Full PDB file with SEQRES, HELIX, SHEET, SSBOND, CRYST1, ORIGX, SCALE, CONECT and MASTER records, all heavy atoms in Angstrom:
SEQRES   1 A   38  ALA TYR LEU ASN GLU PHE GLU SER ASP LYS LYS LYS VAL          
SEQRES   2 A   38  VAL LEU LEU ALA VAL GLY GLY ASN SER THR PHE GLU PRO          
SEQRES   3 A   38  GLU PRO ASP LEU ILE VAL GLY LYS HIS LYS CYS SER              
HELIX    1 AA1 TYR A    2  PHE A    6  1                                   5    
HELIX    2 AA2 GLU A    7  ASP A    9  5                                   3    
SHEET    1 AA1 2 LEU A  30  VAL A  32  0                                        
SHEET    2 AA1 2 HIS A  35  CYS A  37 -1                                        
CRYST1    1.000    1.000    1.000  90.00  90.00  90.00 P 1           1          
ORIGX1      1.000000  0.000000  0.000000        0.00000                         
ORIGX2      0.000000  1.000000  0.000000        0.00000                         
ORIGX3      0.000000  0.000000  1.000000        0.00000                         
SCALE1      1.000000  0.000000  0.000000        0.00000                         
SCALE2      0.000000  1.000000  0.000000        0.00000                         
SCALE3      0.000000  0.000000  1.000000        0.00000                         
ATOM      1  N   ALA A   1      -9.335  -2.561  -1.303  1.00  0.00           N  
ATOM      2  CA  ALA A   1     -10.532  -1.775  -1.002  1.00  0.00           C  
ATOM      3  C   ALA A   1     -10.307  -0.292  -1.315  1.00  0.00           C  
ATOM      4  O   ALA A   1     -11.222   0.396  -1.791  1.00  0.00           O  
ATOM      5  CB  ALA A   1     -10.915  -1.958   0.466  1.00  0.00           C  
ATOM      6  N   TYR A   2      -9.096   0.189  -1.063  1.00  0.00           N  
ATOM      7  CA  TYR A   2      -8.752   1.572  -1.438  1.00  0.00           C  
ATOM      8  C   TYR A   2      -8.936   1.764  -2.940  1.00  0.00           C  
ATOM      9  O   TYR A   2      -9.514   2.768  -3.387  1.00  0.00           O  
ATOM     10  CB  TYR A   2      -7.314   1.877  -1.022  1.00  0.00           C  
ATOM     11  CG  TYR A   2      -6.739   3.113  -1.669  1.00  0.00           C  
ATOM     12  CD1 TYR A   2      -6.965   4.377  -1.126  1.00  0.00           C  
ATOM     13  CD2 TYR A   2      -5.979   3.028  -2.846  1.00  0.00           C  
ATOM     14  CE1 TYR A   2      -6.459   5.527  -1.740  1.00  0.00           C  
ATOM     15  CE2 TYR A   2      -5.474   4.155  -3.454  1.00  0.00           C  
ATOM     16  CZ  TYR A   2      -5.713   5.406  -2.907  1.00  0.00           C  
ATOM     17  OH  TYR A   2      -5.213   6.532  -3.515  1.00  0.00           O  
ATOM     18  N   LEU A   3      -8.451   0.817  -3.742  1.00  0.00           N  
ATOM     19  CA  LEU A   3      -8.589   0.924  -5.194  1.00  0.00           C  
ATOM     20  C   LEU A   3     -10.056   0.870  -5.615  1.00  0.00           C  
ATOM     21  O   LEU A   3     -10.463   1.559  -6.574  1.00  0.00           O  
ATOM     22  CB  LEU A   3      -7.793  -0.183  -5.875  1.00  0.00           C  
ATOM     23  CG  LEU A   3      -6.265  -0.072  -5.761  1.00  0.00           C  
ATOM     24  CD1 LEU A   3      -5.598  -1.314  -6.322  1.00  0.00           C  
ATOM     25  CD2 LEU A   3      -5.758   1.182  -6.469  1.00  0.00           C  
ATOM     26  N   ASN A   4     -10.855   0.071  -4.917  1.00  0.00           N  
ATOM     27  CA  ASN A   4     -12.290   0.048  -5.228  1.00  0.00           C  
ATOM     28  C   ASN A   4     -12.924   1.425  -5.037  1.00  0.00           C  
ATOM     29  O   ASN A   4     -13.885   1.781  -5.729  1.00  0.00           O  
ATOM     30  CB  ASN A   4     -13.006  -0.972  -4.343  1.00  0.00           C  
ATOM     31  CG  ASN A   4     -12.708  -2.410  -4.743  1.00  0.00           C  
ATOM     32  OD1 ASN A   4     -12.330  -2.689  -5.883  1.00  0.00           O  
ATOM     33  ND2 ASN A   4     -12.875  -3.337  -3.813  1.00  0.00           N  
ATOM     34  N   GLU A   5     -12.402   2.181  -4.109  1.00  0.00           N  
ATOM     35  CA  GLU A   5     -12.956   3.501  -3.805  1.00  0.00           C  
ATOM     36  C   GLU A   5     -12.314   4.630  -4.621  1.00  0.00           C  
ATOM     37  O   GLU A   5     -12.983   5.566  -5.046  1.00  0.00           O  
ATOM     38  CB  GLU A   5     -12.765   3.808  -2.307  1.00  0.00           C  
ATOM     39  CG  GLU A   5     -13.454   2.839  -1.370  1.00  0.00           C  
ATOM     40  CD  GLU A   5     -14.945   3.121  -1.224  1.00  0.00           C  
ATOM     41  OE1 GLU A   5     -15.394   4.208  -1.663  1.00  0.00           O  
ATOM     42  OE2 GLU A   5     -15.651   2.269  -0.668  1.00  0.00           O  
ATOM     43  N   PHE A   6     -10.978   4.559  -4.813  1.00  0.00           N  
ATOM     44  CA  PHE A   6     -10.252   5.739  -5.292  1.00  0.00           C  
ATOM     45  C   PHE A   6      -9.366   5.472  -6.517  1.00  0.00           C  
ATOM     46  O   PHE A   6      -8.527   6.315  -6.840  1.00  0.00           O  
ATOM     47  CB  PHE A   6      -9.371   6.296  -4.164  1.00  0.00           C  
ATOM     48  CG  PHE A   6     -10.126   6.614  -2.911  1.00  0.00           C  
ATOM     49  CD1 PHE A   6     -10.020   5.787  -1.794  1.00  0.00           C  
ATOM     50  CD2 PHE A   6     -10.944   7.729  -2.833  1.00  0.00           C  
ATOM     51  CE1 PHE A   6     -10.704   6.074  -0.625  1.00  0.00           C  
ATOM     52  CE2 PHE A   6     -11.638   8.038  -1.663  1.00  0.00           C  
ATOM     53  CZ  PHE A   6     -11.521   7.205  -0.560  1.00  0.00           C  
ATOM     54  N   GLU A   7      -9.504   4.344  -7.185  1.00  0.00           N  
ATOM     55  CA  GLU A   7      -8.615   4.008  -8.298  1.00  0.00           C  
ATOM     56  C   GLU A   7      -8.587   5.107  -9.365  1.00  0.00           C  
ATOM     57  O   GLU A   7      -7.522   5.436  -9.911  1.00  0.00           O  
ATOM     58  CB  GLU A   7      -9.043   2.689  -8.936  1.00  0.00           C  
ATOM     59  CG  GLU A   7      -8.118   2.244 -10.072  1.00  0.00           C  
ATOM     60  CD  GLU A   7      -8.543   0.911 -10.666  1.00  0.00           C  
ATOM     61  OE1 GLU A   7      -9.742   0.577 -10.559  1.00  0.00           O  
ATOM     62  OE2 GLU A   7      -7.684   0.207 -11.229  1.00  0.00           O  
ATOM     63  N   SER A   8      -9.727   5.694  -9.644  1.00  0.00           N  
ATOM     64  CA  SER A   8      -9.798   6.688 -10.718  1.00  0.00           C  
ATOM     65  C   SER A   8      -9.020   7.963 -10.400  1.00  0.00           C  
ATOM     66  O   SER A   8      -8.705   8.746 -11.303  1.00  0.00           O  
ATOM     67  CB  SER A   8     -11.261   7.049 -11.005  1.00  0.00           C  
ATOM     68  OG  SER A   8     -11.866   7.614  -9.852  1.00  0.00           O  
ATOM     69  N   ASP A   9      -8.677   8.181  -9.117  1.00  0.00           N  
ATOM     70  CA  ASP A   9      -7.917   9.378  -8.746  1.00  0.00           C  
ATOM     71  C   ASP A   9      -6.453   9.291  -9.164  1.00  0.00           C  
ATOM     72  O   ASP A   9      -5.762  10.315  -9.242  1.00  0.00           O  
ATOM     73  CB  ASP A   9      -7.986   9.606  -7.235  1.00  0.00           C  
ATOM     74  CG  ASP A   9      -9.387   9.972  -6.770  1.00  0.00           C  
ATOM     75  OD1 ASP A   9     -10.245  10.211  -7.636  1.00  0.00           O  
ATOM     76  OD2 ASP A   9      -9.613  10.007  -5.541  1.00  0.00           O  
ATOM     77  N   LYS A  10      -5.960   8.084  -9.372  1.00  0.00           N  
ATOM     78  CA  LYS A  10      -4.592   7.845  -9.853  1.00  0.00           C  
ATOM     79  C   LYS A  10      -3.540   8.547  -8.994  1.00  0.00           C  
ATOM     80  O   LYS A  10      -2.636   9.209  -9.489  1.00  0.00           O  
ATOM     81  CB  LYS A  10      -4.450   8.284 -11.310  1.00  0.00           C  
ATOM     82  CG  LYS A  10      -5.358   7.526 -12.264  1.00  0.00           C  
ATOM     83  CD  LYS A  10      -5.195   7.990 -13.698  1.00  0.00           C  
ATOM     84  CE  LYS A  10      -6.121   7.206 -14.634  1.00  0.00           C  
ATOM     85  NZ  LYS A  10      -5.997   7.656 -16.030  1.00  0.00           N  
ATOM     86  N   LYS A  11      -3.660   8.398  -7.684  1.00  0.00           N  
ATOM     87  CA  LYS A  11      -2.717   9.022  -6.757  1.00  0.00           C  
ATOM     88  C   LYS A  11      -1.742   7.995  -6.196  1.00  0.00           C  
ATOM     89  O   LYS A  11      -2.050   6.801  -6.114  1.00  0.00           O  
ATOM     90  CB  LYS A  11      -3.469   9.677  -5.592  1.00  0.00           C  
ATOM     91  CG  LYS A  11      -4.189  10.957  -5.957  1.00  0.00           C  
ATOM     92  CD  LYS A  11      -4.774  11.622  -4.721  1.00  0.00           C  
ATOM     93  CE  LYS A  11      -3.694  12.153  -3.804  1.00  0.00           C  
ATOM     94  NZ  LYS A  11      -4.266  12.868  -2.636  1.00  0.00           N  
ATOM     95  N   LYS A  12      -0.587   8.488  -5.783  1.00  0.00           N  
ATOM     96  CA  LYS A  12       0.345   7.643  -5.045  1.00  0.00           C  
ATOM     97  C   LYS A  12      -0.257   7.355  -3.674  1.00  0.00           C  
ATOM     98  O   LYS A  12      -0.875   8.231  -3.060  1.00  0.00           O  
ATOM     99  CB  LYS A  12       1.696   8.338  -4.884  1.00  0.00           C  
ATOM    100  CG  LYS A  12       2.714   7.514  -4.115  1.00  0.00           C  
ATOM    101  CD  LYS A  12       4.082   8.207  -4.048  1.00  0.00           C  
ATOM    102  CE  LYS A  12       5.074   7.332  -3.270  1.00  0.00           C  
ATOM    103  NZ  LYS A  12       6.430   7.938  -3.218  1.00  0.00           N  
ATOM    104  N   VAL A  13      -0.077   6.134  -3.181  1.00  0.00           N  
ATOM    105  CA  VAL A  13      -0.634   5.757  -1.887  1.00  0.00           C  
ATOM    106  C   VAL A  13       0.393   4.933  -1.117  1.00  0.00           C  
ATOM    107  O   VAL A  13       1.154   4.153  -1.705  1.00  0.00           O  
ATOM    108  CB  VAL A  13      -1.953   4.958  -2.057  1.00  0.00           C  
ATOM    109  CG1 VAL A  13      -1.741   3.685  -2.870  1.00  0.00           C  
ATOM    110  CG2 VAL A  13      -2.569   4.624  -0.696  1.00  0.00           C  
ATOM    111  N   VAL A  14       0.439   5.139   0.188  1.00  0.00           N  
ATOM    112  CA  VAL A  14       1.281   4.330   1.070  1.00  0.00           C  
ATOM    113  C   VAL A  14       0.429   3.830   2.230  1.00  0.00           C  
ATOM    114  O   VAL A  14      -0.595   4.431   2.573  1.00  0.00           O  
ATOM    115  CB  VAL A  14       2.482   5.127   1.633  1.00  0.00           C  
ATOM    116  CG1 VAL A  14       3.476   5.455   0.545  1.00  0.00           C  
ATOM    117  CG2 VAL A  14       2.014   6.379   2.363  1.00  0.00           C  
ATOM    118  N   LEU A  15       0.850   2.720   2.823  1.00  0.00           N  
ATOM    119  CA  LEU A  15       0.191   2.201   4.014  1.00  0.00           C  
ATOM    120  C   LEU A  15       1.167   2.294   5.175  1.00  0.00           C  
ATOM    121  O   LEU A  15       2.283   1.762   5.101  1.00  0.00           O  
ATOM    122  CB  LEU A  15      -0.265   0.756   3.808  1.00  0.00           C  
ATOM    123  CG  LEU A  15      -1.133   0.164   4.924  1.00  0.00           C  
ATOM    124  CD1 LEU A  15      -2.165  -0.816   4.357  1.00  0.00           C  
ATOM    125  CD2 LEU A  15      -0.306  -0.544   6.000  1.00  0.00           C  
ATOM    126  N   LEU A  16       0.781   2.984   6.236  1.00  0.00           N  
ATOM    127  CA  LEU A  16       1.598   3.115   7.431  1.00  0.00           C  
ATOM    128  C   LEU A  16       1.179   2.037   8.428  1.00  0.00           C  
ATOM    129  O   LEU A  16       0.041   2.045   8.903  1.00  0.00           O  
ATOM    130  CB  LEU A  16       1.447   4.506   8.057  1.00  0.00           C  
ATOM    131  CG  LEU A  16       1.566   5.720   7.130  1.00  0.00           C  
ATOM    132  CD1 LEU A  16       1.590   7.002   7.958  1.00  0.00           C  
ATOM    133  CD2 LEU A  16       2.791   5.618   6.237  1.00  0.00           C  
ATOM    134  N   ALA A  17       2.102   1.114   8.733  1.00  0.00           N  
ATOM    135  CA  ALA A  17       1.854   0.046   9.710  1.00  0.00           C  
ATOM    136  C   ALA A  17       2.398   0.527  11.053  1.00  0.00           C  
ATOM    137  O   ALA A  17       3.603   0.475  11.302  1.00  0.00           O  
ATOM    138  CB  ALA A  17       2.528  -1.248   9.271  1.00  0.00           C  
ATOM    139  N   VAL A  18       1.496   1.001  11.912  1.00  0.00           N  
ATOM    140  CA  VAL A  18       1.896   1.638  13.171  1.00  0.00           C  
ATOM    141  C   VAL A  18       1.728   0.649  14.313  1.00  0.00           C  
ATOM    142  O   VAL A  18       0.620   0.204  14.603  1.00  0.00           O  
ATOM    143  CB  VAL A  18       1.060   2.900  13.444  1.00  0.00           C  
ATOM    144  CG1 VAL A  18       1.498   3.558  14.746  1.00  0.00           C  
ATOM    145  CG2 VAL A  18       1.169   3.874  12.277  1.00  0.00           C  
ATOM    146  N   GLY A  19       2.854   0.316  14.978  1.00  0.00           N  
ATOM    147  CA  GLY A  19       2.817  -0.707  16.018  1.00  0.00           C  
ATOM    148  C   GLY A  19       2.654  -2.088  15.393  1.00  0.00           C  
ATOM    149  O   GLY A  19       2.378  -2.241  14.200  1.00  0.00           O  
ATOM    150  N   GLY A  20       2.877  -3.116  16.209  1.00  0.00           N  
ATOM    151  CA  GLY A  20       2.610  -4.476  15.757  1.00  0.00           C  
ATOM    152  C   GLY A  20       3.619  -5.078  14.813  1.00  0.00           C  
ATOM    153  O   GLY A  20       3.370  -6.129  14.216  1.00  0.00           O  
ATOM    154  N   ASN A  21       4.791  -4.440  14.641  1.00  0.00           N  
ATOM    155  CA  ASN A  21       5.800  -4.954  13.704  1.00  0.00           C  
ATOM    156  C   ASN A  21       6.841  -5.779  14.446  1.00  0.00           C  
ATOM    157  O   ASN A  21       7.553  -5.254  15.303  1.00  0.00           O  
ATOM    158  CB  ASN A  21       6.478  -3.790  12.977  1.00  0.00           C  
ATOM    159  CG  ASN A  21       5.522  -3.028  12.088  1.00  0.00           C  
ATOM    160  OD1 ASN A  21       5.008  -3.569  11.119  1.00  0.00           O  
ATOM    161  ND2 ASN A  21       5.265  -1.772  12.437  1.00  0.00           N  
ATOM    162  N   SER A  22       6.928  -7.059  14.123  1.00  0.00           N  
ATOM    163  CA  SER A  22       7.913  -7.921  14.773  1.00  0.00           C  
ATOM    164  C   SER A  22       9.309  -7.703  14.207  1.00  0.00           C  
ATOM    165  O   SER A  22      10.305  -8.104  14.805  1.00  0.00           O  
ATOM    166  CB  SER A  22       7.519  -9.388  14.616  1.00  0.00           C  
ATOM    167  OG  SER A  22       7.417  -9.742  13.255  1.00  0.00           O  
ATOM    168  N   THR A  23       9.390  -7.087  13.044  1.00  0.00           N  
ATOM    169  CA  THR A  23      10.672  -6.739  12.435  1.00  0.00           C  
ATOM    170  C   THR A  23      10.494  -5.433  11.675  1.00  0.00           C  
ATOM    171  O   THR A  23       9.383  -5.097  11.237  1.00  0.00           O  
ATOM    172  CB  THR A  23      11.161  -7.839  11.474  1.00  0.00           C  
ATOM    173  OG1 THR A  23      12.324  -7.385  10.783  1.00  0.00           O  
ATOM    174  CG2 THR A  23      10.107  -8.210  10.454  1.00  0.00           C  
ATOM    175  N   PHE A  24      11.592  -4.686  11.523  1.00  0.00           N  
ATOM    176  CA  PHE A  24      11.526  -3.443  10.772  1.00  0.00           C  
ATOM    177  C   PHE A  24      12.265  -3.569   9.441  1.00  0.00           C  
ATOM    178  O   PHE A  24      12.660  -2.577   8.836  1.00  0.00           O  
ATOM    179  CB  PHE A  24      12.076  -2.289  11.615  1.00  0.00           C  
ATOM    180  CG  PHE A  24      11.139  -1.903  12.717  1.00  0.00           C  
ATOM    181  CD1 PHE A  24      11.274  -2.460  13.976  1.00  0.00           C  
ATOM    182  CD2 PHE A  24      10.097  -1.029  12.486  1.00  0.00           C  
ATOM    183  CE1 PHE A  24      10.407  -2.131  14.994  1.00  0.00           C  
ATOM    184  CE2 PHE A  24       9.207  -0.690  13.497  1.00  0.00           C  
ATOM    185  CZ  PHE A  24       9.363  -1.243  14.760  1.00  0.00           C  
ATOM    186  N   GLU A  25      12.427  -4.808   8.973  1.00  0.00           N  
ATOM    187  CA  GLU A  25      12.969  -5.015   7.634  1.00  0.00           C  
ATOM    188  C   GLU A  25      11.994  -4.460   6.601  1.00  0.00           C  
ATOM    189  O   GLU A  25      10.767  -4.506   6.783  1.00  0.00           O  
ATOM    190  CB  GLU A  25      13.185  -6.506   7.372  1.00  0.00           C  
ATOM    191  CG  GLU A  25      14.319  -7.132   8.148  1.00  0.00           C  
ATOM    192  CD  GLU A  25      14.583  -8.559   7.692  1.00  0.00           C  
ATOM    193  OE1 GLU A  25      14.895  -8.757   6.503  1.00  0.00           O  
ATOM    194  OE2 GLU A  25      14.457  -9.472   8.513  1.00  0.00           O  
ATOM    195  N   PRO A  26      12.495  -3.935   5.480  1.00  0.00           N  
ATOM    196  CA  PRO A  26      11.606  -3.429   4.429  1.00  0.00           C  
ATOM    197  C   PRO A  26      10.695  -4.531   3.889  1.00  0.00           C  
ATOM    198  O   PRO A  26      11.087  -5.696   3.806  1.00  0.00           O  
ATOM    199  CB  PRO A  26      12.578  -2.936   3.348  1.00  0.00           C  
ATOM    200  CG  PRO A  26      13.865  -2.695   4.067  1.00  0.00           C  
ATOM    201  CD  PRO A  26      13.919  -3.715   5.168  1.00  0.00           C  
ATOM    202  N   GLU A  27       9.485  -4.150   3.552  1.00  0.00           N  
ATOM    203  CA  GLU A  27       8.514  -5.080   2.969  1.00  0.00           C  
ATOM    204  C   GLU A  27       8.396  -4.828   1.468  1.00  0.00           C  
ATOM    205  O   GLU A  27       8.469  -3.674   1.021  1.00  0.00           O  
ATOM    206  CB  GLU A  27       7.139  -4.874   3.608  1.00  0.00           C  
ATOM    207  CG  GLU A  27       7.059  -5.227   5.070  1.00  0.00           C  
ATOM    208  CD  GLU A  27       7.003  -6.725   5.310  1.00  0.00           C  
ATOM    209  OE1 GLU A  27       6.701  -7.467   4.345  1.00  0.00           O  
ATOM    210  OE2 GLU A  27       7.249  -7.143   6.453  1.00  0.00           O  
ATOM    211  N   PRO A  28       8.180  -5.886   0.679  1.00  0.00           N  
ATOM    212  CA  PRO A  28       7.906  -5.665  -0.751  1.00  0.00           C  
ATOM    213  C   PRO A  28       6.620  -4.853  -0.914  1.00  0.00           C  
ATOM    214  O   PRO A  28       5.705  -4.934  -0.088  1.00  0.00           O  
ATOM    215  CB  PRO A  28       7.722  -7.094  -1.299  1.00  0.00           C  
ATOM    216  CG  PRO A  28       8.336  -7.994  -0.277  1.00  0.00           C  
ATOM    217  CD  PRO A  28       8.193  -7.313   1.043  1.00  0.00           C  
ATOM    218  N   ASP A  29       6.570  -4.053  -1.979  1.00  0.00           N  
ATOM    219  CA  ASP A  29       5.357  -3.285  -2.247  1.00  0.00           C  
ATOM    220  C   ASP A  29       4.167  -4.223  -2.457  1.00  0.00           C  
ATOM    221  O   ASP A  29       4.315  -5.355  -2.941  1.00  0.00           O  
ATOM    222  CB  ASP A  29       5.535  -2.438  -3.509  1.00  0.00           C  
ATOM    223  CG  ASP A  29       6.512  -1.288  -3.309  1.00  0.00           C  
ATOM    224  OD1 ASP A  29       6.771  -0.916  -2.152  1.00  0.00           O  
ATOM    225  OD2 ASP A  29       7.012  -0.766  -4.329  1.00  0.00           O  
ATOM    226  N   LEU A  30       2.988  -3.745  -2.096  1.00  0.00           N  
ATOM    227  CA  LEU A  30       1.752  -4.438  -2.456  1.00  0.00           C  
ATOM    228  C   LEU A  30       1.476  -4.142  -3.928  1.00  0.00           C  
ATOM    229  O   LEU A  30       1.553  -2.988  -4.362  1.00  0.00           O  
ATOM    230  CB  LEU A  30       0.594  -3.932  -1.601  1.00  0.00           C  
ATOM    231  CG  LEU A  30       0.749  -4.056  -0.080  1.00  0.00           C  
ATOM    232  CD1 LEU A  30      -0.404  -3.343   0.630  1.00  0.00           C  
ATOM    233  CD2 LEU A  30       0.812  -5.513   0.351  1.00  0.00           C  
ATOM    234  N   ILE A  31       1.173  -5.180  -4.699  1.00  0.00           N  
ATOM    235  CA  ILE A  31       0.917  -5.015  -6.133  1.00  0.00           C  
ATOM    236  C   ILE A  31      -0.478  -5.542  -6.454  1.00  0.00           C  
ATOM    237  O   ILE A  31      -0.794  -6.699  -6.161  1.00  0.00           O  
ATOM    238  CB  ILE A  31       1.955  -5.772  -6.986  1.00  0.00           C  
ATOM    239  CG1 ILE A  31       3.382  -5.318  -6.635  1.00  0.00           C  
ATOM    240  CG2 ILE A  31       1.662  -5.567  -8.469  1.00  0.00           C  
ATOM    241  CD1 ILE A  31       3.685  -3.889  -6.988  1.00  0.00           C  
ATOM    242  N   VAL A  32      -1.294  -4.694  -7.034  1.00  0.00           N  
ATOM    243  CA  VAL A  32      -2.624  -5.100  -7.504  1.00  0.00           C  
ATOM    244  C   VAL A  32      -2.774  -4.552  -8.922  1.00  0.00           C  
ATOM    245  O   VAL A  32      -2.851  -3.330  -9.118  1.00  0.00           O  
ATOM    246  CB  VAL A  32      -3.744  -4.550  -6.593  1.00  0.00           C  
ATOM    247  CG1 VAL A  32      -5.114  -4.893  -7.185  1.00  0.00           C  
ATOM    248  CG2 VAL A  32      -3.617  -5.105  -5.181  1.00  0.00           C  
ATOM    249  N   GLY A  33      -2.780  -5.447  -9.898  1.00  0.00           N  
ATOM    250  CA  GLY A  33      -2.824  -5.007 -11.291  1.00  0.00           C  
ATOM    251  C   GLY A  33      -1.619  -4.137 -11.598  1.00  0.00           C  
ATOM    252  O   GLY A  33      -0.474  -4.528 -11.356  1.00  0.00           O  
ATOM    253  N   LYS A  34      -1.867  -2.923 -12.090  1.00  0.00           N  
ATOM    254  CA  LYS A  34      -0.782  -1.986 -12.395  1.00  0.00           C  
ATOM    255  C   LYS A  34      -0.490  -1.036 -11.232  1.00  0.00           C  
ATOM    256  O   LYS A  34       0.328  -0.127 -11.361  1.00  0.00           O  
ATOM    257  CB  LYS A  34      -1.133  -1.169 -13.645  1.00  0.00           C  
ATOM    258  CG  LYS A  34      -1.271  -2.015 -14.915  1.00  0.00           C  
ATOM    259  CD  LYS A  34      -1.614  -1.134 -16.109  1.00  0.00           C  
ATOM    260  CE  LYS A  34      -1.751  -1.966 -17.376  1.00  0.00           C  
ATOM    261  NZ  LYS A  34      -2.113  -1.128 -18.553  1.00  0.00           N  
ATOM    262  N   HIS A  35      -1.134  -1.266 -10.116  1.00  0.00           N  
ATOM    263  CA  HIS A  35      -1.020  -0.344  -8.985  1.00  0.00           C  
ATOM    264  C   HIS A  35      -0.101  -0.911  -7.907  1.00  0.00           C  
ATOM    265  O   HIS A  35      -0.037  -2.129  -7.713  1.00  0.00           O  
ATOM    266  CB  HIS A  35      -2.397  -0.081  -8.379  1.00  0.00           C  
ATOM    267  CG  HIS A  35      -3.408   0.397  -9.367  1.00  0.00           C  
ATOM    268  ND1 HIS A  35      -3.411   1.673  -9.876  1.00  0.00           N  
ATOM    269  CD2 HIS A  35      -4.449  -0.252  -9.960  1.00  0.00           C  
ATOM    270  CE1 HIS A  35      -4.411   1.805 -10.727  1.00  0.00           C  
ATOM    271  NE2 HIS A  35      -5.063   0.650 -10.798  1.00  0.00           N  
ATOM    272  N   LYS A  36       0.585  -0.027  -7.205  1.00  0.00           N  
ATOM    273  CA  LYS A  36       1.428  -0.480  -6.098  1.00  0.00           C  
ATOM    274  C   LYS A  36       1.248   0.426  -4.889  1.00  0.00           C  
ATOM    275  O   LYS A  36       0.886   1.606  -5.007  1.00  0.00           O  
ATOM    276  CB  LYS A  36       2.905  -0.535  -6.501  1.00  0.00           C  
ATOM    277  CG  LYS A  36       3.583   0.807  -6.638  1.00  0.00           C  
ATOM    278  CD  LYS A  36       5.082   0.632  -6.884  1.00  0.00           C  
ATOM    279  CE  LYS A  36       5.796   1.986  -6.933  1.00  0.00           C  
ATOM    280  NZ  LYS A  36       7.264   1.840  -7.091  1.00  0.00           N  
ATOM    281  N   CYS A  37       1.514  -0.153  -3.726  1.00  0.00           N  
ATOM    282  CA  CYS A  37       1.409   0.571  -2.466  1.00  0.00           C  
ATOM    283  C   CYS A  37       2.588   0.157  -1.595  1.00  0.00           C  
ATOM    284  O   CYS A  37       2.793  -1.033  -1.350  1.00  0.00           O  
ATOM    285  CB  CYS A  37       0.089   0.239  -1.765  1.00  0.00           C  
ATOM    286  SG  CYS A  37      -0.093   0.939  -0.116  1.00  0.00           S  
ATOM    287  N   SER A  38       3.376   1.129  -1.154  1.00  0.00           N  
ATOM    288  CA  SER A  38       4.531   0.833  -0.300  1.00  0.00           C  
ATOM    289  C   SER A  38       4.091   0.755   1.160  1.00  0.00           C  
ATOM    290  O   SER A  38       3.158   1.438   1.592  1.00  0.00           O  
ATOM    291  CB  SER A  38       5.604   1.913  -0.449  1.00  0.00           C  
ATOM    292  OG  SER A  38       6.100   1.934  -1.776  1.00  0.00           O  
TER     293      SER A  38                                                      
MASTER        0    0    0    2    2    0    0    6  292    1    0    3          
END                                                                             
């Protein structure tokens, strides 16, 4: 949904998962087409 709104801006983006984490192991990046989000 972020890409639907802001893809043309071509900015780096991250998602902060605050609370609710059963583990703090690193997660693979989200990949959509040529875009990624850590």
